[in-house]
Amino acid sequence: MTEISKHWENAIIIQATCREFRMGENYHYPQVQSCYLAACFTGSGRIKVNNQTFDITAGKVIFAPWNHTITYMPHPDSPFVLGCIHLIPEALEHGDIHYNAFHTVHPDHPLYFLRKNEVVSRFNRAVCRTFSPDSNFFYLLRYAIDCFVSQGTEEQLRLLARLFFYEIHAMINRIPENNEKYPSALQRMLHHIDDYMELPILMQQLTFHSNLSPASIYRMFRKYLGTTPQKYIIRRRLHHAARILRSNTVSISALAQSLQFSTAGNFSRAFKEEFGISPRQFRNNPAIKLPAGKLSRPPRHIDDGMNPHFTPKFIPESEF
């Protein structure tokens, strides 16, 4: 945790709330002096940030850069509920914090010039990403809102702000998976599998995310992936295991357990059936290459900088 202080050490959550935007009413703010996250819990509509307009549905998350113009446009028949987080990269005041975001230029306020944007070139544009509503990102966001509403300490709000900036960095640099050959219901299921690679994945969870019956889910997996949901999950775990074996000294039995295999023997047999070689032989032979493709990439929470414990990873200065 010591490396987290190397960036955004003066960051803080200055405002966090869950807000419903009434249908048919637009809301406009001209120059918001914060870095901002808006995550849609329910409903639909559009949000315009600067000159970009985004369609909003449940699971969509928007990042808006410092000094942004924003307009909320709920659907006429479906108001949306957003989780809203205002972040200050450099809040130099300590102790007596003014917990509110400036929604326009406010040079007459005594604290206005004590808030600054830590200049990071990749943070200067709005982006929109899709997360599973029960993903780690949404859990972190809900926790931050609860912490702010319950008047969490300044230390807590500064730590949460730094966590969010690391996740925003990952969110901005992640290549979105908009594979048009897959229906959105299938993409949501694949996202859930990625997010919970190291936990039990039940059919009930897939039906919840896809809003499909088990029979329809089986047909969809057969049609687009040529396999069953259970076999796809096992193969994803095996390819993820292969990546870990190349970069980590974890024991094979511990790896098998963490990826939901009942025994190390079952894991080794499945691994050899998939790759034609045992896990130990694979680890000791770096010349063997993993096949490219969807199965071989890491789970999304690793690509996104997320993990189940919200542990931030240090980003070297050279990556900015």
C-alpha atoms as a PDB file:
ATOM      1  CA  MET A   1       0.000   0.000   0.000  1.00  0.00           C
ATOM      2  CA  THR A   2       2.997   2.371   0.260  1.00  0.00           C
ATOM      3  CA  GLU A   3       3.185   2.975  -3.490  1.00  0.00           C
ATOM      4  CA  ILE A   4      -0.343   4.354  -3.634  1.00  0.00           C
ATOM      5  CA  SER A   5       0.895   7.651  -2.207  1.00  0.00           C
ATOM      6  CA  LYS A   6       3.035   8.287  -5.304  1.00  0.00           C
ATOM      7  CA  HIS A   7      -0.001   9.513  -7.245  1.00  0.00           C
ATOM      8  CA  TRP A   8      -3.084  11.477  -6.250  1.00  0.00           C
ATOM      9  CA  GLU A   9      -1.862  11.743  -2.664  1.00  0.00           C
ATOM     10  CA  ASN A  10      -4.050  14.835  -2.126  1.00  0.00           C
ATOM     11  CA  ALA A  11      -7.117  13.437  -3.921  1.00  0.00           C
ATOM     12  CA  ILE A  12     -10.479  13.289  -2.177  1.00  0.00           C
ATOM     13  CA  ILE A  13     -14.118  12.433  -2.839  1.00  0.00           C
ATOM     14  CA  ILE A  14     -15.851  15.769  -2.483  1.00  0.00           C
ATOM     15  CA  GLN A  15     -19.376  14.606  -3.239  1.00  0.00           C
ATOM     16  CA  ALA A  16     -21.037  11.205  -3.637  1.00  0.00           C
ATOM     17  CA  THR A  17     -24.708  10.468  -3.974  1.00  0.00           C
ATOM     18  CA  CYS A  18     -27.345   8.251  -5.527  1.00  0.00           C
ATOM     19  CA  ARG A  19     -29.707  10.440  -7.552  1.00  0.00           C
ATOM     20  CA  GLU A  20     -32.836   9.882  -9.598  1.00  0.00           C
ATOM     21  CA  PHE A  21     -33.285  12.086 -12.664  1.00  0.00           C
ATOM     22  CA  ARG A  22     -36.965  12.539 -13.385  1.00  0.00           C
ATOM     23  CA  MET A  23     -38.185  11.536 -16.833  1.00  0.00           C
ATOM     24  CA  GLY A  24     -38.678  14.294 -19.364  1.00  0.00           C
ATOM     25  CA  GLU A  25     -36.569  16.842 -17.451  1.00  0.00           C
ATOM     26  CA  ASN A  26     -33.092  17.792 -18.650  1.00  0.00           C
ATOM     27  CA  TYR A  27     -30.391  18.974 -16.265  1.00  0.00           C
ATOM     28  CA  HIS A  28     -27.436  21.074 -17.410  1.00  0.00           C
ATOM     29  CA  TYR A  29     -24.250  22.145 -15.614  1.00  0.00           C
ATOM     30  CA  PRO A  30     -21.836  24.433 -17.503  1.00  0.00           C
ATOM     31  CA  GLN A  31     -18.345  23.935 -15.996  1.00  0.00           C
ATOM     32  CA  VAL A  32     -18.022  21.258 -13.327  1.00  0.00           C
ATOM     33  CA  GLN A  33     -14.762  21.600 -11.408  1.00  0.00           C
ATOM     34  CA  SER A  34     -14.135  17.935 -10.657  1.00  0.00           C
ATOM     35  CA  CYS A  35     -13.296  14.606 -12.223  1.00  0.00           C
ATOM     36  CA  TYR A  36     -16.601  12.803 -12.283  1.00  0.00           C
ATOM     37  CA  LEU A  37     -18.036   9.287 -12.422  1.00  0.00           C
ATOM     38  CA  ALA A  38     -21.695   8.588 -13.217  1.00  0.00           C
ATOM     39  CA  ALA A  39     -22.804   4.945 -12.988  1.00  0.00           C
ATOM     40  CA  CYS A  40     -26.308   3.923 -14.037  1.00  0.00           C
ATOM     41  CA  PHE A  41     -28.123   1.649 -11.597  1.00  0.00           C
ATOM     42  CA  THR A  42     -31.539   1.578 -13.319  1.00  0.00           C
ATOM     43  CA  GLY A  43     -33.424   3.263 -16.143  1.00  0.00           C
ATOM     44  CA  SER A  44     -32.161   4.756 -19.382  1.00  0.00           C
ATOM     45  CA  GLY A  45     -31.495   8.025 -21.146  1.00  0.00           C
ATOM     46  CA  ARG A  46     -28.592  10.025 -22.503  1.00  0.00           C
ATOM     47  CA  ILE A  47     -25.771  12.049 -21.000  1.00  0.00           C
ATOM     48  CA  LYS A  48     -23.867  14.657 -22.975  1.00  0.00           C
ATOM     49  CA  VAL A  49     -20.347  15.432 -21.763  1.00  0.00           C
ATOM     50  CA  ASN A  50     -18.702  18.326 -23.592  1.00  0.00           C
ATOM     51  CA  ASN A  51     -19.391  17.412 -27.235  1.00  0.00           C
ATOM     52  CA  GLN A  52     -20.000  13.683 -26.765  1.00  0.00           C
ATOM     53  CA  THR A  53     -23.413  12.115 -26.195  1.00  0.00           C
ATOM     54  CA  PHE A  54     -23.688   8.678 -24.576  1.00  0.00           C
ATOM     55  CA  ASP A  55     -26.680   6.345 -24.403  1.00  0.00           C
ATOM     56  CA  ILE A  56     -27.175   5.289 -20.785  1.00  0.00           C
ATOM     57  CA  THR A  57     -28.591   1.995 -19.524  1.00  0.00           C
ATOM     58  CA  ALA A  58     -28.000  -0.055 -16.367  1.00  0.00           C
ATOM     59  CA  GLY A  59     -24.314  -0.950 -16.015  1.00  0.00           C
ATOM     60  CA  LYS A  60     -22.988   1.994 -18.028  1.00  0.00           C
ATOM     61  CA  VAL A  61     -20.299   4.108 -16.364  1.00  0.00           C
ATOM     62  CA  ILE A  62     -19.191   7.517 -17.650  1.00  0.00           C
ATOM     63  CA  PHE A  63     -16.020   9.345 -16.728  1.00  0.00           C
ATOM     64  CA  ALA A  64     -16.019  13.109 -17.282  1.00  0.00           C
ATOM     65  CA  PRO A  65     -12.758  15.095 -17.057  1.00  0.00           C
ATOM     66  CA  TRP A  66     -12.055  18.207 -15.031  1.00  0.00           C
ATOM     67  CA  ASN A  67     -13.941  21.379 -16.039  1.00  0.00           C
ATOM     68  CA  HIS A  68     -16.551  19.476 -18.037  1.00  0.00           C
ATOM     69  CA  THR A  69     -19.951  20.539 -19.308  1.00  0.00           C
ATOM     70  CA  ILE A  70     -22.643  17.952 -18.688  1.00  0.00           C
ATOM     71  CA  THR A  71     -26.306  17.542 -19.592  1.00  0.00           C
ATOM     72  CA  TYR A  72     -28.542  14.750 -18.268  1.00  0.00           C
ATOM     73  CA  MET A  73     -31.396  13.679 -20.535  1.00  0.00           C
ATOM     74  CA  PRO A  74     -33.542  10.927 -18.970  1.00  0.00           C
ATOM     75  CA  HIS A  75     -35.737   8.865 -21.259  1.00  0.00           C
ATOM     76  CA  PRO A  76     -39.296  10.306 -21.394  1.00  0.00           C
ATOM     77  CA  ASP A  77     -40.718   6.981 -20.168  1.00  0.00           C
ATOM     78  CA  SER A  78     -37.875   5.754 -17.971  1.00  0.00           C
ATOM     79  CA  PRO A  79     -36.111   7.937 -15.400  1.00  0.00           C
ATOM     80  CA  PHE A  80     -32.610   6.811 -14.565  1.00  0.00           C
ATOM     81  CA  VAL A  81     -30.910   6.432 -11.208  1.00  0.00           C
ATOM     82  CA  LEU A  82     -27.214   7.281 -11.133  1.00  0.00           C
ATOM     83  CA  GLY A  83     -24.466   6.806  -8.624  1.00  0.00           C
ATOM     84  CA  CYS A  84     -22.482  10.050  -8.817  1.00  0.00           C
ATOM     85  CA  ILE A  85     -18.910  10.508  -7.545  1.00  0.00           C
ATOM     86  CA  HIS A  86     -17.087  13.871  -7.705  1.00  0.00           C
ATOM     87  CA  LEU A  87     -13.315  13.535  -7.310  1.00  0.00           C
ATOM     88  CA  ILE A  88     -10.726  16.252  -6.720  1.00  0.00           C
ATOM     89  CA  PRO A  89      -7.241  15.143  -7.826  1.00  0.00           C
ATOM     90  CA  GLU A  90      -5.523  17.768  -5.654  1.00  0.00           C
ATOM     91  CA  ALA A  91      -7.489  19.145  -2.713  1.00  0.00           C
ATOM     92  CA  LEU A  92      -4.891  21.063  -0.727  1.00  0.00           C
ATOM     93  CA  GLU A  93      -7.190  21.996   2.127  1.00  0.00           C
ATOM     94  CA  HIS A  94      -7.059  19.587   5.048  1.00  0.00           C
ATOM     95  CA  GLY A  95      -9.296  19.293   8.068  1.00  0.00           C
ATOM     96  CA  ASP A  96     -12.016  21.830   7.292  1.00  0.00           C
ATOM     97  CA  ILE A  97     -13.200  20.339   3.988  1.00  0.00           C
ATOM     98  CA  HIS A  98     -15.998  21.950   1.969  1.00  0.00           C
ATOM     99  CA  TYR A  99     -17.790  18.765   0.856  1.00  0.00           C
ATOM    100  CA  ASN A 100     -19.424  19.983  -2.314  1.00  0.00           C
ATOM    101  CA  ALA A 101     -18.411  20.165  -5.954  1.00  0.00           C
ATOM    102  CA  PHE A 102     -18.259  23.475  -7.804  1.00  0.00           C
ATOM    103  CA  HIS A 103     -20.573  23.115 -10.816  1.00  0.00           C
ATOM    104  CA  THR A 104     -19.309  26.300 -12.425  1.00  0.00           C
ATOM    105  CA  VAL A 105     -16.258  28.568 -12.194  1.00  0.00           C
ATOM    106  CA  HIS A 106     -16.329  30.014  -8.681  1.00  0.00           C
ATOM    107  CA  PRO A 107     -13.260  32.265  -8.118  1.00  0.00           C
ATOM    108  CA  ASP A 108     -14.944  34.154  -5.267  1.00  0.00           C
ATOM    109  CA  HIS A 109     -15.037  31.071  -3.037  1.00  0.00           C
ATOM    110  CA  PRO A 110     -12.093  30.927  -0.594  1.00  0.00           C
ATOM    111  CA  LEU A 111     -11.415  27.252  -1.365  1.00  0.00           C
ATOM    112  CA  TYR A 112     -11.754  27.472  -5.149  1.00  0.00           C
ATOM    113  CA  PHE A 113      -8.026  27.866  -5.863  1.00  0.00           C
ATOM    114  CA  LEU A 114      -7.077  25.164  -3.371  1.00  0.00           C
ATOM    115  CA  ARG A 115      -8.591  22.553  -5.697  1.00  0.00           C
ATOM    116  CA  LYS A 116      -6.592  21.580  -8.728  1.00  0.00           C
ATOM    117  CA  ASN A 117      -6.559  19.012 -11.473  1.00  0.00           C
ATOM    118  CA  GLU A 118      -3.485  16.786 -11.433  1.00  0.00           C
ATOM    119  CA  VAL A 119      -2.587  16.948 -15.094  1.00  0.00           C
ATOM    120  CA  VAL A 120      -2.643  13.508 -16.688  1.00  0.00           C
ATOM    121  CA  SER A 121      -2.961  13.661 -20.458  1.00  0.00           C
ATOM    122  CA  ARG A 122      -5.155  10.565 -20.784  1.00  0.00           C
ATOM    123  CA  PHE A 123      -7.690  11.984 -18.334  1.00  0.00           C
ATOM    124  CA  ASN A 124      -8.757  14.836 -20.625  1.00  0.00           C
ATOM    125  CA  ARG A 125     -11.630  13.135 -22.445  1.00  0.00           C
ATOM    126  CA  ALA A 126     -14.952  11.571 -21.577  1.00  0.00           C
ATOM    127  CA  VAL A 127     -15.288   7.811 -21.868  1.00  0.00           C
ATOM    128  CA  CYS A 128     -18.130   5.339 -21.353  1.00  0.00           C
ATOM    129  CA  ARG A 129     -17.674   1.711 -20.331  1.00  0.00           C
ATOM    130  CA  THR A 130     -20.021  -1.140 -19.430  1.00  0.00           C
ATOM    131  CA  PHE A 131     -19.688  -3.084 -16.172  1.00  0.00           C
ATOM    132  CA  SER A 132     -21.815  -5.826 -14.694  1.00  0.00           C
ATOM    133  CA  PRO A 133     -24.076  -4.223 -12.045  1.00  0.00           C
ATOM    134  CA  ASP A 134     -22.710  -6.735  -9.516  1.00  0.00           C
ATOM    135  CA  SER A 135     -19.089  -6.233 -10.555  1.00  0.00           C
ATOM    136  CA  ASN A 136     -16.382  -5.132  -8.158  1.00  0.00           C
ATOM    137  CA  PHE A 137     -16.472  -1.641  -9.647  1.00  0.00           C
ATOM    138  CA  PHE A 138     -20.128  -1.200  -8.687  1.00  0.00           C
ATOM    139  CA  TYR A 139     -19.510  -2.610  -5.208  1.00  0.00           C
ATOM    140  CA  LEU A 140     -16.717  -0.092  -4.716  1.00  0.00           C
ATOM    141  CA  LEU A 141     -18.919   2.719  -5.987  1.00  0.00           C
ATOM    142  CA  ARG A 142     -21.800   1.815  -3.678  1.00  0.00           C
ATOM    143  CA  TYR A 143     -19.424   1.564  -0.750  1.00  0.00           C
ATOM    144  CA  ALA A 144     -18.007   5.026  -1.514  1.00  0.00           C
ATOM    145  CA  ILE A 145     -21.508   6.529  -1.616  1.00  0.00           C
ATOM    146  CA  ASP A 146     -22.427   4.847   1.678  1.00  0.00           C
ATOM    147  CA  CYS A 147     -19.196   6.088   3.233  1.00  0.00           C
ATOM    148  CA  PHE A 148     -19.812   9.674   2.100  1.00  0.00           C
ATOM    149  CA  VAL A 149     -23.478   9.707   3.146  1.00  0.00           C
ATOM    150  CA  SER A 150     -22.581   8.340   6.578  1.00  0.00           C
ATOM    151  CA  GLN A 151     -19.968  11.113   6.940  1.00  0.00           C
ATOM    152  CA  GLY A 152     -16.863   8.993   6.611  1.00  0.00           C
ATOM    153  CA  THR A 153     -13.566  10.439   7.744  1.00  0.00           C
ATOM    154  CA  GLU A 154     -11.353  12.591   5.543  1.00  0.00           C
ATOM    155  CA  GLU A 155      -8.774   9.778   5.528  1.00  0.00           C
ATOM    156  CA  GLN A 156     -11.365   7.297   4.213  1.00  0.00           C
ATOM    157  CA  LEU A 157     -12.538   9.650   1.477  1.00  0.00           C
ATOM    158  CA  ARG A 158      -8.972  10.362   0.385  1.00  0.00           C
ATOM    159  CA  LEU A 159      -8.110   6.667   0.223  1.00  0.00           C
ATOM    160  CA  LEU A 160     -11.272   5.889  -1.771  1.00  0.00           C
ATOM    161  CA  ALA A 161     -10.479   8.757  -4.148  1.00  0.00           C
ATOM    162  CA  ARG A 162      -7.042   7.336  -4.874  1.00  0.00           C
ATOM    163  CA  LEU A 163      -8.571   3.912  -5.505  1.00  0.00           C
ATOM    164  CA  PHE A 164     -11.017   5.439  -7.960  1.00  0.00           C
ATOM    165  CA  PHE A 165      -8.289   7.276  -9.870  1.00  0.00           C
ATOM    166  CA  TYR A 166      -6.413   4.022 -10.373  1.00  0.00           C
ATOM    167  CA  GLU A 167      -9.609   2.389 -11.623  1.00  0.00           C
ATOM    168  CA  ILE A 168     -10.335   5.352 -13.914  1.00  0.00           C
ATOM    169  CA  HIS A 169      -6.854   5.003 -15.392  1.00  0.00           C
ATOM    170  CA  ALA A 170      -7.602   1.352 -16.168  1.00  0.00           C
ATOM    171  CA  MET A 171     -11.099   2.201 -17.416  1.00  0.00           C
ATOM    172  CA  ILE A 172      -9.769   4.812 -19.876  1.00  0.00           C
ATOM    173  CA  ASN A 173      -7.089   2.529 -21.268  1.00  0.00           C
ATOM    174  CA  ARG A 174      -9.216  -0.607 -21.564  1.00  0.00           C
ATOM    175  CA  ILE A 175     -10.261  -1.487 -25.091  1.00  0.00           C
ATOM    176  CA  PRO A 176     -14.050  -1.943 -24.953  1.00  0.00           C
ATOM    177  CA  GLU A 177     -15.384  -5.328 -25.983  1.00  0.00           C
ATOM    178  CA  ASN A 178     -18.005  -4.379 -28.535  1.00  0.00           C
ATOM    179  CA  ASN A 179     -17.922  -7.576 -30.525  1.00  0.00           C
ATOM    180  CA  GLU A 180     -20.992  -7.159 -32.699  1.00  0.00           C
ATOM    181  CA  LYS A 181     -21.147 -10.838 -33.584  1.00  0.00           C
ATOM    182  CA  TYR A 182     -22.139 -11.608 -29.982  1.00  0.00           C
ATOM    183  CA  PRO A 183     -25.588 -10.609 -28.683  1.00  0.00           C
ATOM    184  CA  SER A 184     -25.577  -8.258 -25.707  1.00  0.00           C
ATOM    185  CA  ALA A 185     -27.024 -10.997 -23.467  1.00  0.00           C
ATOM    186  CA  LEU A 186     -24.057 -13.248 -24.256  1.00  0.00           C
ATOM    187  CA  GLN A 187     -21.590 -10.422 -23.701  1.00  0.00           C
ATOM    188  CA  ARG A 188     -23.088  -9.774 -20.266  1.00  0.00           C
ATOM    189  CA  MET A 189     -22.667 -13.443 -19.355  1.00  0.00           C
ATOM    190  CA  LEU A 190     -19.065 -13.489 -20.578  1.00  0.00           C
ATOM    191  CA  HIS A 191     -18.365 -10.346 -18.566  1.00  0.00           C
ATOM    192  CA  HIS A 192     -19.772 -12.005 -15.454  1.00  0.00           C
ATOM    193  CA  ILE A 193     -17.597 -15.070 -16.020  1.00  0.00           C
ATOM    194  CA  ASP A 194     -14.558 -12.807 -16.328  1.00  0.00           C
ATOM    195  CA  ASP A 195     -15.436 -10.856 -13.193  1.00  0.00           C
ATOM    196  CA  TYR A 196     -15.883 -14.008 -11.103  1.00  0.00           C
ATOM    197  CA  MET A 197     -13.183 -16.243 -12.565  1.00  0.00           C
ATOM    198  CA  GLU A 198     -12.033 -17.326  -9.105  1.00  0.00           C
ATOM    199  CA  LEU A 199     -15.484 -17.850  -7.556  1.00  0.00           C
ATOM    200  CA  PRO A 200     -18.240 -20.421  -8.163  1.00  0.00           C
ATOM    201  CA  ILE A 201     -20.351 -19.478 -11.195  1.00  0.00           C
ATOM    202  CA  LEU A 202     -23.907 -20.814 -11.141  1.00  0.00           C
ATOM    203  CA  MET A 203     -26.489 -21.101 -13.892  1.00  0.00           C
ATOM    204  CA  GLN A 204     -28.802 -18.874 -11.831  1.00  0.00           C
ATOM    205  CA  GLN A 205     -26.254 -16.078 -12.147  1.00  0.00           C
ATOM    206  CA  LEU A 206     -26.104 -16.430 -15.926  1.00  0.00           C
ATOM    207  CA  THR A 207     -29.888 -16.406 -16.198  1.00  0.00           C
ATOM    208  CA  PHE A 208     -29.977 -13.242 -14.081  1.00  0.00           C
ATOM    209  CA  HIS A 209     -27.462 -11.395 -16.266  1.00  0.00           C
ATOM    210  CA  SER A 210     -28.903 -12.545 -19.577  1.00  0.00           C
ATOM    211  CA  ASN A 211     -32.608 -12.602 -18.673  1.00  0.00           C
ATOM    212  CA  LEU A 212     -32.771 -15.923 -20.541  1.00  0.00           C
ATOM    213  CA  SER A 213     -33.837 -19.414 -19.570  1.00  0.00           C
ATOM    214  CA  PRO A 214     -31.161 -22.108 -19.056  1.00  0.00           C
ATOM    215  CA  ALA A 215     -32.232 -23.773 -22.317  1.00  0.00           C
ATOM    216  CA  SER A 216     -31.812 -20.504 -24.240  1.00  0.00           C
ATOM    217  CA  ILE A 217     -28.407 -19.944 -22.637  1.00  0.00           C
ATOM    218  CA  TYR A 218     -27.248 -23.384 -23.747  1.00  0.00           C
ATOM    219  CA  ARG A 219     -28.432 -22.693 -27.302  1.00  0.00           C
ATOM    220  CA  MET A 220     -26.653 -19.329 -27.346  1.00  0.00           C
ATOM    221  CA  PHE A 221     -23.352 -20.776 -26.148  1.00  0.00           C
ATOM    222  CA  ARG A 222     -23.627 -23.585 -28.704  1.00  0.00           C
ATOM    223  CA  LYS A 223     -24.409 -21.179 -31.530  1.00  0.00           C
ATOM    224  CA  TYR A 224     -21.754 -18.525 -30.886  1.00  0.00           C
ATOM    225  CA  LEU A 225     -19.027 -20.346 -28.959  1.00  0.00           C
ATOM    226  CA  GLY A 226     -19.504 -23.958 -30.024  1.00  0.00           C
ATOM    227  CA  THR A 227     -19.591 -25.275 -26.474  1.00  0.00           C
ATOM    228  CA  THR A 228     -21.634 -25.393 -23.269  1.00  0.00           C
ATOM    229  CA  PRO A 229     -21.455 -22.749 -20.522  1.00  0.00           C
ATOM    230  CA  GLN A 230     -19.750 -25.172 -18.120  1.00  0.00           C
ATOM    231  CA  LYS A 231     -17.063 -26.152 -20.653  1.00  0.00           C
ATOM    232  CA  TYR A 232     -16.471 -22.524 -21.616  1.00  0.00           C
ATOM    233  CA  ILE A 233     -15.945 -21.566 -17.955  1.00  0.00           C
ATOM    234  CA  ILE A 234     -13.480 -24.432 -17.439  1.00  0.00           C
ATOM    235  CA  ARG A 235     -11.510 -23.521 -20.572  1.00  0.00           C
ATOM    236  CA  ARG A 236     -11.378 -19.834 -19.556  1.00  0.00           C
ATOM    237  CA  ARG A 237     -10.038 -20.848 -16.168  1.00  0.00           C
ATOM    238  CA  LEU A 238      -7.434 -23.125 -17.743  1.00  0.00           C
ATOM    239  CA  HIS A 239      -6.149 -20.398 -20.061  1.00  0.00           C
ATOM    240  CA  HIS A 240      -6.057 -17.993 -17.143  1.00  0.00           C
ATOM    241  CA  ALA A 241      -4.129 -20.620 -15.146  1.00  0.00           C
ATOM    242  CA  ALA A 242      -1.590 -20.902 -17.967  1.00  0.00           C
ATOM    243  CA  ARG A 243      -0.926 -17.150 -17.765  1.00  0.00           C
ATOM    244  CA  ILE A 244      -0.465 -17.386 -13.993  1.00  0.00           C
ATOM    245  CA  LEU A 245       1.970 -20.305 -14.317  1.00  0.00           C
ATOM    246  CA  ARG A 246       4.175 -18.131 -16.516  1.00  0.00           C
ATOM    247  CA  SER A 247       4.261 -15.141 -14.176  1.00  0.00           C
ATOM    248  CA  ASN A 248       3.776 -16.512 -10.662  1.00  0.00           C
ATOM    249  CA  THR A 249       5.371 -19.093  -8.393  1.00  0.00           C
ATOM    250  CA  VAL A 250       2.071 -20.162  -6.825  1.00  0.00           C
ATOM    251  CA  SER A 251       1.856 -23.896  -6.243  1.00  0.00           C
ATOM    252  CA  ILE A 252      -0.191 -25.946  -8.669  1.00  0.00           C
ATOM    253  CA  SER A 253      -2.461 -27.228  -5.892  1.00  0.00           C
ATOM    254  CA  ALA A 254      -3.145 -23.676  -4.655  1.00  0.00           C
ATOM    255  CA  LEU A 255      -3.816 -22.522  -8.211  1.00  0.00           C
ATOM    256  CA  ALA A 256      -6.230 -25.400  -8.760  1.00  0.00           C
ATOM    257  CA  GLN A 257      -8.115 -24.530  -5.590  1.00  0.00           C
ATOM    258  CA  SER A 258      -8.298 -20.804  -6.409  1.00  0.00           C
ATOM    259  CA  LEU A 259      -9.823 -21.597  -9.814  1.00  0.00           C
ATOM    260  CA  GLN A 260     -12.521 -23.866  -8.393  1.00  0.00           C
ATOM    261  CA  PHE A 261     -11.049 -27.251  -9.354  1.00  0.00           C
ATOM    262  CA  SER A 262     -11.892 -29.914  -6.769  1.00  0.00           C
ATOM    263  CA  THR A 263      -8.375 -31.406  -6.707  1.00  0.00           C
ATOM    264  CA  ALA A 264      -4.954 -30.692  -8.150  1.00  0.00           C
ATOM    265  CA  GLY A 265      -5.239 -33.982 -10.065  1.00  0.00           C
ATOM    266  CA  ASN A 266      -8.466 -32.909 -11.778  1.00  0.00           C
ATOM    267  CA  PHE A 267      -6.858 -29.573 -12.652  1.00  0.00           C
ATOM    268  CA  SER A 268      -3.745 -31.241 -14.101  1.00  0.00           C
ATOM    269  CA  ARG A 269      -5.806 -33.670 -16.188  1.00  0.00           C
ATOM    270  CA  ALA A 270      -7.989 -30.858 -17.571  1.00  0.00           C
ATOM    271  CA  PHE A 271      -4.901 -28.739 -18.269  1.00  0.00           C
ATOM    272  CA  LYS A 272      -3.197 -31.542 -20.183  1.00  0.00           C
ATOM    273  CA  GLU A 273      -6.355 -32.238 -22.165  1.00  0.00           C
ATOM    274  CA  GLU A 274      -6.516 -28.555 -23.164  1.00  0.00           C
ATOM    275  CA  PHE A 275      -2.823 -27.927 -23.903  1.00  0.00           C
ATOM    276  CA  GLY A 276      -1.340 -31.414 -24.407  1.00  0.00           C
ATOM    277  CA  ILE A 277       1.138 -30.878 -21.583  1.00  0.00           C
ATOM    278  CA  SER A 278       1.016 -30.921 -17.769  1.00  0.00           C
ATOM    279  CA  PRO A 279       0.969 -27.661 -15.762  1.00  0.00           C
ATOM    280  CA  ARG A 280       4.451 -28.365 -14.396  1.00  0.00           C
ATOM    281  CA  GLN A 281       5.880 -29.026 -17.859  1.00  0.00           C
ATOM    282  CA  PHE A 282       4.203 -25.870 -19.146  1.00  0.00           C
ATOM    283  CA  ARG A 283       5.721 -23.762 -16.365  1.00  0.00           C
ATOM    284  CA  ASN A 284       9.203 -25.203 -17.016  1.00  0.00           C
ATOM    285  CA  ASN A 285       9.070 -24.718 -20.785  1.00  0.00           C
ATOM    286  CA  PRO A 286       8.770 -20.977 -21.621  1.00  0.00           C
ATOM    287  CA  ALA A 287       9.090 -21.714 -25.346  1.00  0.00           C
ATOM    288  CA  ILE A 288       5.516 -23.032 -25.421  1.00  0.00           C
ATOM    289  CA  LYS A 289       3.173 -20.261 -26.556  1.00  0.00           C
ATOM    290  CA  LEU A 290      -0.442 -19.810 -25.584  1.00  0.00           C
ATOM    291  CA  PRO A 291      -2.872 -19.773 -28.500  1.00  0.00           C
ATOM    292  CA  ALA A 292      -4.188 -16.280 -29.206  1.00  0.00           C
ATOM    293  CA  GLY A 293      -7.870 -15.500 -28.869  1.00  0.00           C
ATOM    294  CA  LYS A 294     -10.696 -14.757 -26.468  1.00  0.00           C
ATOM    295  CA  LEU A 295      -9.960 -17.703 -24.205  1.00  0.00           C
ATOM    296  CA  SER A 296      -6.318 -16.790 -23.674  1.00  0.00           C
ATOM    297  CA  ARG A 297      -6.772 -13.183 -22.545  1.00  0.00           C
ATOM    298  CA  PRO A 298      -6.867 -12.459 -18.801  1.00  0.00           C
ATOM    299  CA  PRO A 299     -10.130 -11.877 -16.922  1.00  0.00           C
ATOM    300  CA  ARG A 300     -11.570  -8.371 -17.252  1.00  0.00           C
ATOM    301  CA  HIS A 301     -10.893  -7.411 -13.640  1.00  0.00           C
ATOM    302  CA  ILE A 302      -7.162  -7.870 -14.374  1.00  0.00           C
ATOM    303  CA  ASP A 303      -7.319  -5.921 -17.650  1.00  0.00           C
ATOM    304  CA  ASP A 304      -9.243  -3.176 -15.860  1.00  0.00           C
ATOM    305  CA  GLY A 305      -6.948  -2.968 -12.880  1.00  0.00           C
ATOM    306  CA  MET A 306      -9.689  -4.481 -10.704  1.00  0.00           C
ATOM    307  CA  ASN A 307      -9.389  -7.352  -8.298  1.00  0.00           C
ATOM    308  CA  PRO A 308     -11.759  -8.680  -5.628  1.00  0.00           C
ATOM    309  CA  HIS A 309      -9.924  -6.814  -2.840  1.00  0.00           C
ATOM    310  CA  PHE A 310      -9.688  -3.420  -4.585  1.00  0.00           C
ATOM    311  CA  THR A 311      -5.878  -3.442  -4.227  1.00  0.00           C
ATOM    312  CA  PRO A 312      -4.523  -0.599  -6.389  1.00  0.00           C
ATOM    313  CA  LYS A 313      -1.578  -1.255  -8.635  1.00  0.00           C
ATOM    314  CA  PHE A 314       1.188   1.306  -9.004  1.00  0.00           C
ATOM    315  CA  ILE A 315       1.318   3.014 -12.393  1.00  0.00           C
ATOM    316  CA  PRO A 316       4.831   4.164 -13.380  1.00  0.00           C
ATOM    317  CA  GLU A 317       5.253   7.791 -14.418  1.00  0.00           C
ATOM    318  CA  SER A 318       6.353   6.601 -17.871  1.00  0.00           C
ATOM    319  CA  GLU A 319       2.851   5.222 -18.579  1.00  0.00           C
ATOM    320  CA  PHE A 320       1.174   8.621 -18.273  1.00  0.00           C
END
